[in-house]
C-alpha atoms as a PDB file:
ATOM      1  CA  MET A   1       0.000   0.000   0.000  1.00  0.00           C
ATOM      2  CA  ARG A   2       2.812   2.419   0.803  1.00  0.00           C
ATOM      3  CA  TRP A   3       4.331   1.883  -2.634  1.00  0.00           C
ATOM      4  CA  LEU A   4       0.986   2.621  -4.247  1.00  0.00           C
ATOM      5  CA  LEU A   5       0.779   5.867  -2.270  1.00  0.00           C
ATOM      6  CA  LEU A   6       4.300   6.794  -3.328  1.00  0.00           C
ATOM      7  CA  THR A   7       3.404   6.092  -6.953  1.00  0.00           C
ATOM      8  CA  LEU A   8       0.312   8.270  -6.547  1.00  0.00           C
ATOM      9  CA  THR A   9       2.508  11.075  -5.191  1.00  0.00           C
ATOM     10  CA  VAL A  10       4.906  10.866  -8.116  1.00  0.00           C
ATOM     11  CA  PHE A  11       1.936  10.830 -10.498  1.00  0.00           C
ATOM     12  CA  GLY A  12       0.622  14.002  -8.823  1.00  0.00           C
ATOM     13  CA  LEU A  13       4.017  15.660  -9.247  1.00  0.00           C
ATOM     14  CA  LEU A  14       4.214  14.742 -12.929  1.00  0.00           C
ATOM     15  CA  MET A  15       0.640  15.873 -13.448  1.00  0.00           C
ATOM     16  CA  ALA A  16       1.419  19.228 -11.766  1.00  0.00           C
ATOM     17  CA  LEU A  17       4.469  19.765 -13.945  1.00  0.00           C
ATOM     18  CA  HIS A  18       2.482  19.178 -17.150  1.00  0.00           C
ATOM     19  CA  ALA A  19      -0.770  20.949 -16.186  1.00  0.00           C
ATOM     20  CA  HIS A  20      -1.971  23.688 -18.518  1.00  0.00           C
ATOM     21  CA  THR A  21      -5.117  24.772 -16.698  1.00  0.00           C
ATOM     22  CA  PRO A  22      -5.615  25.999 -13.125  1.00  0.00           C
ATOM     23  CA  GLY A  23      -8.119  23.226 -12.415  1.00  0.00           C
ATOM     24  CA  ARG A  24      -5.721  20.470 -13.338  1.00  0.00           C
ATOM     25  CA  LEU A  25      -2.918  22.176 -11.439  1.00  0.00           C
ATOM     26  CA  GLY A  26      -5.071  22.410  -8.333  1.00  0.00           C
ATOM     27  CA  LEU A  27      -6.081  18.769  -8.614  1.00  0.00           C
ATOM     28  CA  ALA A  28      -2.468  17.729  -9.154  1.00  0.00           C
ATOM     29  CA  LEU A  29      -1.220  19.741  -6.182  1.00  0.00           C
ATOM     30  CA  ALA A  30      -3.941  18.306  -3.943  1.00  0.00           C
ATOM     31  CA  LEU A  31      -3.031  14.817  -5.130  1.00  0.00           C
ATOM     32  CA  LEU A  32       0.648  15.573  -4.558  1.00  0.00           C
ATOM     33  CA  LEU A  33       0.200  16.914  -1.024  1.00  0.00           C
ATOM     34  CA  LEU A  34      -2.242  14.256   0.154  1.00  0.00           C
ATOM     35  CA  GLY A  35      -0.199  11.495  -1.436  1.00  0.00           C
ATOM     36  CA  ALA A  36       3.027  12.752   0.135  1.00  0.00           C
ATOM     37  CA  LEU A  37       1.433  12.978   3.576  1.00  0.00           C
ATOM     38  CA  ALA A  38      -0.096   9.525   3.299  1.00  0.00           C
ATOM     39  CA  SER A  39       3.197   8.087   2.001  1.00  0.00           C
ATOM     40  CA  VAL A  40       5.165   9.504   4.922  1.00  0.00           C
ATOM     41  CA  PHE A  41       2.721   8.039   7.428  1.00  0.00           C
ATOM     42  CA  ALA A  42       2.626   4.681   5.631  1.00  0.00           C
ATOM     43  CA  PHE A  43       6.415   4.353   5.588  1.00  0.00           C
ATOM     44  CA  ALA A  44       6.651   5.451   9.229  1.00  0.00           C
ATOM     45  CA  GLN A  45       4.007   2.896  10.223  1.00  0.00           C
ATOM     46  CA  ALA A  46       5.875   0.136   8.396  1.00  0.00           C
ATOM     47  CA  ARG A  47       9.136   1.128  10.098  1.00  0.00           C
ATOM     48  CA  ILE A  48       7.525   1.159  13.549  1.00  0.00           C
ATOM     49  CA  ARG A  49       5.789  -2.168  12.969  1.00  0.00           C
ATOM     50  CA  SER A  50       9.056  -3.814  11.896  1.00  0.00           C
ATOM     51  CA  SER A  51      10.763  -3.012  15.186  1.00  0.00           C
ATOM     52  CA  ALA A  52       7.807  -3.392  17.560  1.00  0.00           C
ATOM     53  CA  ARG A  53       7.551  -6.229  20.049  1.00  0.00           C
ATOM     54  CA  ASP A  54       4.632  -8.628  20.284  1.00  0.00           C
ATOM     55  CA  GLU A  55       1.751  -7.535  22.491  1.00  0.00           C
ATOM     56  CA  GLN A  56       1.273 -10.973  24.017  1.00  0.00           C
ATOM     57  CA  LEU A  57       3.527 -12.391  26.722  1.00  0.00           C
ATOM     58  CA  SER A  58       3.976 -16.114  27.252  1.00  0.00           C
ATOM     59  CA  ASP A  59       3.387 -17.709  30.664  1.00  0.00           C
ATOM     60  CA  GLN A  60       7.118 -18.113  31.167  1.00  0.00           C
ATOM     61  CA  GLN A  61       7.735 -14.424  30.406  1.00  0.00           C
ATOM     62  CA  ILE A  62       5.014 -13.404  32.886  1.00  0.00           C
ATOM     63  CA  ALA A  63       6.537 -15.616  35.606  1.00  0.00           C
ATOM     64  CA  THR A  64      10.005 -14.153  34.959  1.00  0.00           C
ATOM     65  CA  LEU A  65       8.615 -10.633  35.107  1.00  0.00           C
ATOM     66  CA  LYS A  66       6.821 -11.325  38.401  1.00  0.00           C
ATOM     67  CA  ALA A  67       9.989 -12.826  39.879  1.00  0.00           C
ATOM     68  CA  SER A  68      12.063  -9.818  38.850  1.00  0.00           C
ATOM     69  CA  LEU A  69       9.519  -7.473  40.427  1.00  0.00           C
ATOM     70  CA  LYS A  70       9.498  -9.378  43.728  1.00  0.00           C
ATOM     71  CA  SER A  71      13.298  -9.538  44.089  1.00  0.00           C
ATOM     72  CA  PRO A  72      14.022  -5.790  44.553  1.00  0.00           C
ATOM     73  CA  ALA A  73      11.192  -5.463  47.083  1.00  0.00           C
ATOM     74  CA  ARG A  74      12.759  -8.093  49.368  1.00  0.00           C
ATOM     75  CA  SER A  75      16.221  -6.535  49.210  1.00  0.00           C
ATOM     76  CA  ALA A  76      14.823  -3.025  49.800  1.00  0.00           C
ATOM     77  CA  SER A  77      12.918  -4.128  52.917  1.00  0.00           C
ATOM     78  CA  SER A  78      16.005  -5.818  54.379  1.00  0.00           C
ATOM     79  CA  ASP A  79      18.085  -2.668  53.752  1.00  0.00           C
ATOM     80  CA  THR A  80      15.666  -0.364  55.550  1.00  0.00           C
ATOM     81  CA  GLY A  81      15.361  -2.633  58.581  1.00  0.00           C
ATOM     82  CA  ALA A  82      19.030  -2.315  59.581  1.00  0.00           C
END
């Protein structure tokens, strides 16, 4: 989809460069601006999705996370008691 939007943006640019009437120029510039904005967001979304972690945690990951959260609490309570 992002490549289609980029192609649409380039088409809008070419159309703006070869427009002879104000109506076609306005349409081409609108196509160019909207296509460029949509292309930027589409490429950014693809980049973010490629480096994002999964939203689901496995049972083992949850147990490890709980254990890591409990460990500092025990050491902090023993430090304050002395």
